[in-house]
N, C-alpha and C. Protein backbone atom coordinates (compact mmCIF):
# COMPACT_ATOMS: atom_id res chain seq x y z
N MET A 1 192.72 109.03 220.60
CA MET A 1 192.22 110.45 221.36
C MET A 1 193.10 110.76 222.55
N GLN A 2 193.45 111.88 222.74
CA GLN A 2 194.69 111.99 224.03
C GLN A 2 193.57 112.69 225.22
N VAL A 3 194.08 111.90 226.66
CA VAL A 3 193.18 112.37 227.46
C VAL A 3 194.55 113.75 228.16
N GLY A 4 193.70 114.57 228.79
CA GLY A 4 194.55 115.55 229.48
C GLY A 4 195.87 115.20 230.32
N PHE A 5 196.40 115.74 230.48
CA PHE A 5 197.37 115.58 231.04
C PHE A 5 197.18 115.98 232.21
N THR A 6 197.82 115.05 233.56
CA THR A 6 198.03 115.31 235.37
C THR A 6 198.68 116.34 235.17
N PRO A 7 198.23 116.85 236.48
CA PRO A 7 199.65 118.09 236.66
C PRO A 7 201.10 117.56 236.93
N VAL A 8 200.94 116.40 237.57
CA VAL A 8 202.50 115.46 237.40
C VAL A 8 203.12 115.62 236.42
N ALA A 9 202.44 115.24 234.97
CA ALA A 9 202.55 114.93 233.71
C ALA A 9 203.32 116.43 233.40
N ASP A 10 202.44 117.15 233.54
CA ASP A 10 202.73 118.40 233.08
C ASP A 10 204.02 119.39 233.69
N ASP A 11 203.89 118.97 235.43
CA ASP A 11 205.26 119.62 235.45
C ASP A 11 206.80 118.85 235.07
N LEU A 12 206.55 117.71 235.01
CA LEU A 12 207.76 116.47 234.21
C LEU A 12 207.78 117.39 233.03
N PHE A 13 207.16 117.28 232.29
CA PHE A 13 206.74 117.83 230.72
C PHE A 13 208.02 118.99 230.81
N ARG A 14 207.55 119.79 231.78
CA ARG A 14 208.30 121.45 231.65
C ARG A 14 209.36 121.30 232.09
N GLU A 15 210.04 120.43 233.28
CA GLU A 15 211.12 120.22 233.69
C GLU A 15 211.81 120.19 232.55
N ILE A 16 211.63 118.88 231.89
CA ILE A 16 212.51 118.33 230.73
C ILE A 16 213.05 119.32 229.87
N ILE A 17 211.74 120.49 229.08
CA ILE A 17 211.80 121.54 228.38
C ILE A 17 212.87 122.20 229.11
N LEU A 18 212.62 122.49 230.11
CA LEU A 18 213.42 123.69 230.69
C LEU A 18 215.07 123.20 230.86
N ASP A 19 214.89 121.58 231.17
CA ASP A 19 216.41 121.27 231.26
C ASP A 19 217.07 121.66 230.00
N HIS A 20 216.71 120.82 228.97
CA HIS A 20 217.00 121.07 227.30
C HIS A 20 217.22 122.67 226.82
N TYR A 21 216.27 123.22 227.45
CA TYR A 21 216.58 124.67 227.39
C TYR A 21 217.97 125.34 228.05
N ARG A 22 218.09 125.38 229.14
CA ARG A 22 219.33 125.94 229.80
C ARG A 22 220.45 124.92 229.64
N HIS A 23 220.43 123.67 229.36
CA HIS A 23 221.22 122.83 229.25
C HIS A 23 221.34 122.06 227.87
N PRO A 24 221.61 123.00 227.06
CA PRO A 24 221.15 122.07 225.72
C PRO A 24 222.53 121.16 225.08
N ARG A 25 221.74 120.13 224.66
CA ARG A 25 222.64 119.11 224.36
C ARG A 25 222.98 119.41 222.70
N HIS A 26 224.06 119.04 222.40
CA HIS A 26 224.59 119.15 220.71
C HIS A 26 224.85 120.70 220.52
N ARG A 27 225.12 121.49 221.18
CA ARG A 27 225.12 122.79 220.98
C ARG A 27 226.73 123.29 220.56
N GLY A 28 226.26 123.78 219.44
CA GLY A 28 227.94 124.21 218.75
C GLY A 28 227.57 123.79 217.40
N ARG A 29 228.33 124.04 216.59
CA ARG A 29 228.96 123.72 215.23
C ARG A 29 229.18 122.72 214.55
N VAL A 30 228.98 121.64 213.89
CA VAL A 30 229.88 120.21 213.54
C VAL A 30 231.05 120.81 212.23
N ASP A 31 232.33 120.53 212.69
CA ASP A 31 233.08 121.03 211.51
C ASP A 31 234.07 119.98 211.62
N PRO A 32 234.31 119.76 210.06
CA PRO A 32 233.91 119.75 209.33
C PRO A 32 232.05 119.20 209.28
N ALA A 33 231.15 119.65 207.97
CA ALA A 33 229.64 119.36 208.40
C ALA A 33 229.73 118.46 206.81
N ASP A 34 228.80 118.05 206.62
CA ASP A 34 228.08 117.20 205.14
C ASP A 34 227.26 118.05 205.02
N ALA A 35 226.58 118.95 206.03
CA ALA A 35 225.11 119.67 205.85
C ALA A 35 225.11 120.22 206.70
N VAL A 36 224.78 121.78 206.14
CA VAL A 36 223.99 122.61 207.01
C VAL A 36 223.16 123.46 206.68
N VAL A 37 222.07 123.40 207.54
CA VAL A 37 220.75 124.26 207.00
C VAL A 37 220.55 125.63 208.53
N GLU A 38 220.13 126.12 207.63
CA GLU A 38 219.32 127.36 208.54
C GLU A 38 218.31 127.72 208.38
N ALA A 39 217.54 127.44 209.47
CA ALA A 39 215.83 127.65 209.46
C ALA A 39 215.73 128.75 210.56
N ASP A 40 214.47 129.78 210.04
CA ASP A 40 213.93 130.48 210.94
C ASP A 40 212.72 130.77 210.97
N ASN A 41 212.12 131.10 212.13
CA ASN A 41 210.55 131.39 212.42
C ASN A 41 210.40 133.08 212.29
N PRO A 42 210.13 133.88 211.34
CA PRO A 42 210.18 135.30 211.58
C PRO A 42 208.97 135.80 212.19
N LEU A 43 208.54 134.96 212.49
CA LEU A 43 206.90 134.99 213.49
C LEU A 43 207.26 135.42 215.14
N CYS A 44 208.23 134.68 215.49
CA CYS A 44 208.83 134.82 216.71
C CYS A 44 210.17 134.76 217.25
N GLY A 45 210.98 134.99 215.79
CA GLY A 45 212.27 135.11 215.97
C GLY A 45 213.02 133.77 215.77
N ASP A 46 212.55 133.09 215.81
CA ASP A 46 213.56 131.88 216.44
C ASP A 46 214.53 131.61 215.12
N LEU A 47 215.52 131.28 215.62
CA LEU A 47 216.60 130.96 214.22
C LEU A 47 217.35 129.53 214.76
N ILE A 48 217.89 128.58 213.74
CA ILE A 48 218.84 127.75 214.15
C ILE A 48 219.18 127.25 213.13
N ASP A 49 220.79 126.85 213.07
CA ASP A 49 221.72 126.70 212.41
C ASP A 49 222.28 125.27 212.59
N LEU A 50 221.51 124.13 211.91
CA LEU A 50 221.82 122.85 212.19
C LEU A 50 222.96 122.38 211.45
N SER A 51 224.19 121.63 212.07
CA SER A 51 225.14 121.25 210.81
C SER A 51 225.21 119.64 211.55
N ILE A 52 225.29 118.74 210.61
CA ILE A 52 225.51 117.35 210.59
C ILE A 52 226.81 116.66 209.62
N ARG A 53 227.73 115.79 210.43
CA ARG A 53 228.43 114.90 209.66
C ARG A 53 227.89 113.89 209.54
N PHE A 54 227.88 113.17 208.27
CA PHE A 54 227.49 111.82 208.10
C PHE A 54 228.77 110.60 208.06
N ASP A 55 228.48 109.37 208.12
CA ASP A 55 229.62 108.51 208.20
C ASP A 55 228.37 107.35 207.59
N GLY A 56 228.60 107.23 205.98
CA GLY A 56 227.59 106.01 205.22
C GLY A 56 226.24 106.75 205.48
N ASP A 57 225.34 105.83 206.18
CA ASP A 57 224.54 106.14 206.42
C ASP A 57 223.81 106.09 207.80
N GLN A 58 224.66 106.94 208.42
CA GLN A 58 224.54 107.06 210.07
C GLN A 58 224.95 108.75 210.44
N VAL A 59 224.10 109.24 211.21
CA VAL A 59 224.47 110.58 211.49
C VAL A 59 225.90 110.29 212.65
N ALA A 60 226.72 110.90 212.55
CA ALA A 60 228.04 110.66 212.92
C ALA A 60 228.13 111.71 213.65
N GLU A 61 227.51 112.91 213.69
CA GLU A 61 227.54 114.24 214.59
C GLU A 61 226.61 115.09 213.97
N ILE A 62 226.11 115.67 215.19
CA ILE A 62 225.10 116.93 214.82
C ILE A 62 225.32 117.81 215.90
N GLY A 63 225.10 118.89 215.47
CA GLY A 63 225.10 120.13 216.19
C GLY A 63 223.94 121.24 215.90
N PHE A 64 224.16 122.37 216.78
CA PHE A 64 223.11 123.52 216.58
C PHE A 64 223.71 124.78 216.73
N GLU A 65 223.23 125.88 216.30
CA GLU A 65 223.33 127.12 217.22
C GLU A 65 222.40 127.82 216.71
N GLY A 66 222.09 128.46 217.91
CA GLY A 66 220.42 129.43 217.24
C GLY A 66 220.39 130.65 218.40
N THR A 67 219.40 130.72 218.10
CA THR A 67 218.69 131.90 219.12
C THR A 67 216.87 131.59 219.21
N GLY A 68 216.22 131.89 220.23
CA GLY A 68 215.04 131.87 220.06
C GLY A 68 214.10 131.61 221.20
N CYS A 69 212.79 131.08 221.28
CA CYS A 69 212.36 130.59 222.23
C CYS A 69 212.64 129.31 223.13
N SER A 70 212.28 129.08 224.45
CA SER A 70 212.61 127.88 225.30
C SER A 70 212.04 126.76 224.28
N ILE A 71 210.85 126.67 223.62
CA ILE A 71 210.38 125.63 223.07
C ILE A 71 211.30 125.16 221.74
N SER A 72 211.94 126.34 220.87
CA SER A 72 212.68 125.59 219.65
C SER A 72 213.79 125.27 219.80
N GLN A 73 214.53 126.02 221.17
CA GLN A 73 215.74 125.46 221.31
C GLN A 73 215.99 124.08 221.84
N ALA A 74 215.07 124.02 222.98
CA ALA A 74 214.58 122.57 223.37
C ALA A 74 214.53 121.44 222.49
N ALA A 75 213.40 121.88 221.62
CA ALA A 75 213.25 121.05 220.60
C ALA A 75 214.26 120.38 219.61
N CYS A 76 215.20 121.52 219.51
CA CYS A 76 216.67 121.46 218.86
C CYS A 76 217.47 120.44 219.73
N SER A 77 217.83 120.75 220.72
CA SER A 77 218.20 119.75 221.59
C SER A 77 217.81 118.47 221.88
N MET A 78 216.44 118.19 221.91
CA MET A 78 216.00 116.97 222.04
C MET A 78 216.19 116.42 220.97
N LEU A 79 216.15 117.03 220.00
CA LEU A 79 215.79 116.47 218.47
C LEU A 79 217.46 115.97 218.17
N CYS A 80 218.23 116.74 218.36
CA CYS A 80 219.54 116.19 218.04
C CYS A 80 220.11 114.77 218.87
N ASP A 81 219.71 115.27 220.45
CA ASP A 81 219.88 113.79 220.88
C ASP A 81 219.44 112.70 220.30
N GLU A 82 218.19 112.76 219.97
CA GLU A 82 217.54 111.44 219.73
C GLU A 82 218.02 110.88 218.57
N VAL A 83 218.79 111.79 217.15
CA VAL A 83 219.01 111.06 216.07
C VAL A 83 220.74 111.10 215.91
N SER A 84 221.28 111.69 217.26
CA SER A 84 222.77 111.07 216.92
C SER A 84 223.22 110.18 216.91
N GLY A 85 223.98 109.53 216.01
CA GLY A 85 224.54 108.37 216.05
C GLY A 85 223.12 107.53 215.33
N ALA A 86 222.33 107.81 214.56
CA ALA A 86 221.16 106.96 214.06
C ALA A 86 221.29 106.89 213.07
N SER A 87 220.42 105.84 212.19
CA SER A 87 220.88 105.81 210.40
C SER A 87 219.60 106.85 210.31
N LEU A 88 220.12 107.12 208.90
CA LEU A 88 219.51 108.35 208.24
C LEU A 88 217.97 107.96 208.08
N GLU A 89 217.57 106.63 208.09
CA GLU A 89 216.20 106.11 207.96
C GLU A 89 215.30 106.61 209.07
N HIS A 90 216.36 105.82 210.23
CA HIS A 90 215.71 106.23 212.01
C HIS A 90 215.46 107.84 211.67
N ALA A 91 216.40 108.27 211.36
CA ALA A 91 216.11 109.94 211.82
C ALA A 91 214.93 110.64 211.08
N ARG A 92 215.11 110.20 209.86
CA ARG A 92 213.44 110.47 209.35
C ARG A 92 212.55 110.00 209.76
N ASP A 93 212.53 108.68 210.17
CA ASP A 93 211.29 108.40 211.22
C ASP A 93 210.85 108.76 212.20
N VAL A 94 211.93 109.46 213.14
CA VAL A 94 211.85 110.32 214.17
C VAL A 94 211.13 111.63 213.90
N ALA A 95 211.57 112.31 212.97
CA ALA A 95 211.06 113.63 212.66
C ALA A 95 210.06 113.41 212.28
N ALA A 96 209.25 112.56 211.21
CA ALA A 96 208.04 112.20 210.81
C ALA A 96 207.19 112.03 212.04
N ARG A 97 207.57 111.18 212.76
CA ARG A 97 206.76 111.05 213.74
C ARG A 97 206.57 111.99 214.66
N PHE A 98 207.73 112.76 215.04
CA PHE A 98 207.74 114.01 215.87
C PHE A 98 206.54 115.17 215.32
N LYS A 99 206.56 115.09 214.26
CA LYS A 99 205.58 116.39 213.36
C LYS A 99 204.35 115.71 213.50
N ALA A 100 204.20 114.23 212.98
CA ALA A 100 202.51 113.64 212.95
C ALA A 100 202.04 113.92 215.03
N MET A 101 202.86 113.87 215.75
CA MET A 101 202.39 113.98 217.05
C MET A 101 201.86 115.51 217.33
N LEU A 102 202.68 116.26 216.73
CA LEU A 102 202.24 117.61 216.58
C LEU A 102 201.36 118.73 215.84
N ILE A 103 200.98 117.53 214.98
CA ILE A 103 200.27 118.25 213.78
C ILE A 103 199.21 117.63 213.65
N GLU A 104 199.15 116.49 213.66
CA GLU A 104 198.29 115.44 213.38
C GLU A 104 197.85 114.13 214.62
N ASP A 105 198.05 114.79 215.88
CA ASP A 105 197.96 114.02 217.18
C ASP A 105 198.04 112.68 216.75
N GLY A 106 199.16 112.56 216.35
CA GLY A 106 200.20 111.18 216.36
C GLY A 106 200.41 110.81 217.42
N SER A 107 200.76 109.54 217.59
CA SER A 107 201.55 109.03 218.92
C SER A 107 202.62 109.19 219.09
N PRO A 108 202.66 109.84 220.67
CA PRO A 108 204.29 110.01 220.91
C PRO A 108 204.84 108.96 221.25
N ASP A 109 204.91 107.66 221.11
CA ASP A 109 205.03 106.73 221.73
C ASP A 109 206.99 106.88 221.27
N ASP A 110 207.89 106.34 221.83
CA ASP A 110 209.20 106.10 221.27
C ASP A 110 210.07 107.08 221.05
N LEU A 111 209.80 108.15 221.58
CA LEU A 111 210.60 109.48 220.87
C LEU A 111 211.33 110.40 222.15
N GLY A 112 211.54 109.54 222.82
CA GLY A 112 212.68 110.25 224.08
C GLY A 112 211.93 111.02 224.58
N ASP A 113 212.83 112.35 225.02
CA ASP A 113 212.54 113.56 225.45
C ASP A 113 211.48 114.11 224.59
N LEU A 114 211.53 114.12 223.34
CA LEU A 114 210.53 114.90 222.27
C LEU A 114 209.32 114.85 222.57
N GLU A 115 208.65 113.24 223.26
CA GLU A 115 207.43 113.42 223.57
C GLU A 115 207.04 114.59 225.00
N ALA A 116 208.11 115.25 225.50
CA ALA A 116 207.72 116.01 226.67
C ALA A 116 207.12 117.41 226.17
N LEU A 117 207.09 117.83 224.31
CA LEU A 117 206.37 118.24 223.82
C LEU A 117 205.15 118.52 222.84
N GLN A 118 204.63 117.11 223.58
CA GLN A 118 203.30 116.98 223.18
C GLN A 118 202.34 117.86 223.47
N GLY A 119 202.10 118.74 224.32
CA GLY A 119 201.57 119.37 225.07
C GLY A 119 201.56 121.01 224.08
N VAL A 120 202.63 121.00 223.41
CA VAL A 120 202.65 122.12 222.70
C VAL A 120 201.41 122.26 221.38
N ARG A 121 201.11 121.06 221.48
CA ARG A 121 199.76 121.04 219.97
C ARG A 121 198.75 122.01 220.51
N SER A 122 198.56 122.19 221.73
CA SER A 122 197.65 122.91 222.18
C SER A 122 197.45 124.17 222.15
N TYR A 123 198.85 124.77 221.80
CA TYR A 123 198.98 126.25 221.11
C TYR A 123 199.36 126.22 220.06
N PRO A 124 198.52 126.67 219.05
CA PRO A 124 199.18 126.36 217.31
C PRO A 124 200.33 127.40 217.06
N VAL A 125 200.11 128.33 217.68
CA VAL A 125 201.52 128.90 217.71
C VAL A 125 202.94 128.63 217.72
N ARG A 126 202.84 127.97 218.85
CA ARG A 126 204.16 127.15 219.14
C ARG A 126 204.40 126.09 218.38
N VAL A 127 203.58 125.30 217.79
CA VAL A 127 203.83 124.37 217.14
C VAL A 127 205.37 124.34 216.05
N LYS A 128 204.92 125.98 215.14
CA LYS A 128 205.92 126.42 214.34
C LYS A 128 207.62 126.46 215.04
N CYS A 129 207.40 126.72 216.48
CA CYS A 129 208.50 126.71 217.05
C CYS A 129 209.13 125.26 217.20
N ALA A 130 208.24 124.53 217.70
CA ALA A 130 208.36 123.28 217.94
C ALA A 130 209.13 122.26 216.47
N THR A 131 208.39 122.62 215.49
CA THR A 131 208.88 121.69 214.56
C THR A 131 209.89 122.74 213.72
N LEU A 132 210.45 123.77 213.73
CA LEU A 132 211.41 124.09 213.27
C LEU A 132 212.65 123.22 212.73
N PRO A 133 212.95 122.82 214.03
CA PRO A 133 214.68 121.94 214.33
C PRO A 133 213.97 120.65 213.14
N CYS A 134 213.11 119.85 213.37
CA CYS A 134 212.65 118.86 212.75
C CYS A 134 212.69 119.29 211.20
N ASN A 135 211.80 120.11 210.52
CA ASN A 135 211.96 121.00 209.52
C ASN A 135 213.24 120.98 208.68
N ALA A 136 214.64 121.54 209.52
CA ALA A 136 215.72 121.49 209.62
C ALA A 136 216.82 120.50 208.97
N LEU A 137 216.42 119.45 210.08
CA LEU A 137 216.81 118.17 209.97
C LEU A 137 216.27 117.54 208.48
N LEU A 138 214.85 117.39 208.67
CA LEU A 138 214.32 116.53 206.95
C LEU A 138 215.08 117.38 206.10
N GLN A 139 215.66 118.85 205.73
CA GLN A 139 215.92 119.30 205.01
C GLN A 139 217.54 118.61 204.65
N ALA A 140 218.03 118.64 205.78
CA ALA A 140 219.54 118.27 205.54
C ALA A 140 219.65 116.71 205.11
N LEU A 141 218.95 115.71 205.56
CA LEU A 141 218.68 114.41 205.24
C LEU A 141 218.36 114.47 203.88
N GLY A 142 217.53 115.26 203.42
CA GLY A 142 217.04 115.17 201.87
C GLY A 142 218.36 115.69 201.11
N ASP A 143 219.44 116.74 201.77
CA ASP A 143 220.39 117.35 201.05
C ASP A 143 221.63 115.88 200.87
N ALA A 144 221.40 115.42 202.16
CA ALA A 144 222.33 114.01 202.13
C ALA A 144 222.11 112.95 201.00
N GLU A 145 220.54 112.49 201.00
CA GLU A 145 220.01 111.78 199.83
C GLU A 145 220.84 112.03 198.41
N VAL A 146 220.58 113.72 198.31
CA VAL A 146 221.13 114.06 196.84
C VAL A 146 222.52 113.72 196.42
N ARG A 147 223.08 114.04 197.59
CA ARG A 147 224.73 113.54 197.50
C ARG A 147 224.99 112.15 197.11
N THR A 148 223.89 111.30 198.00
CA THR A 148 224.99 109.97 197.44
C THR A 148 224.41 109.42 195.96
């Protein structure tokens, strides 16, 4: 059970989200890419184009282009940061735990900056914004499995 955020934690999380939104990491298309997934949230206009290059079972390079709200764009930056250079298994695990944190009230432990988005679960309409890049990543990882 989650205890309410303190004002200091709330402010810190807000700053992390805004930093990723204003200064996104991994912005840009990976070329050549082994997987490209376009994902959108028509309810609020979020659009993400995720591209990944693999090196064996590692995420060698990941990037994104897109437009949308601060939550979707920051979540994509954070997710790319967290899985860049990781094994496919670790990337899947991060995506699953991130979704569980937002949808099932799962533990945010060991998710890096993605933990700053845990407050989004209080706003169900915004959960779709935060999980959009996660769903795109899971699709890309599934596409990678099909090719191997």
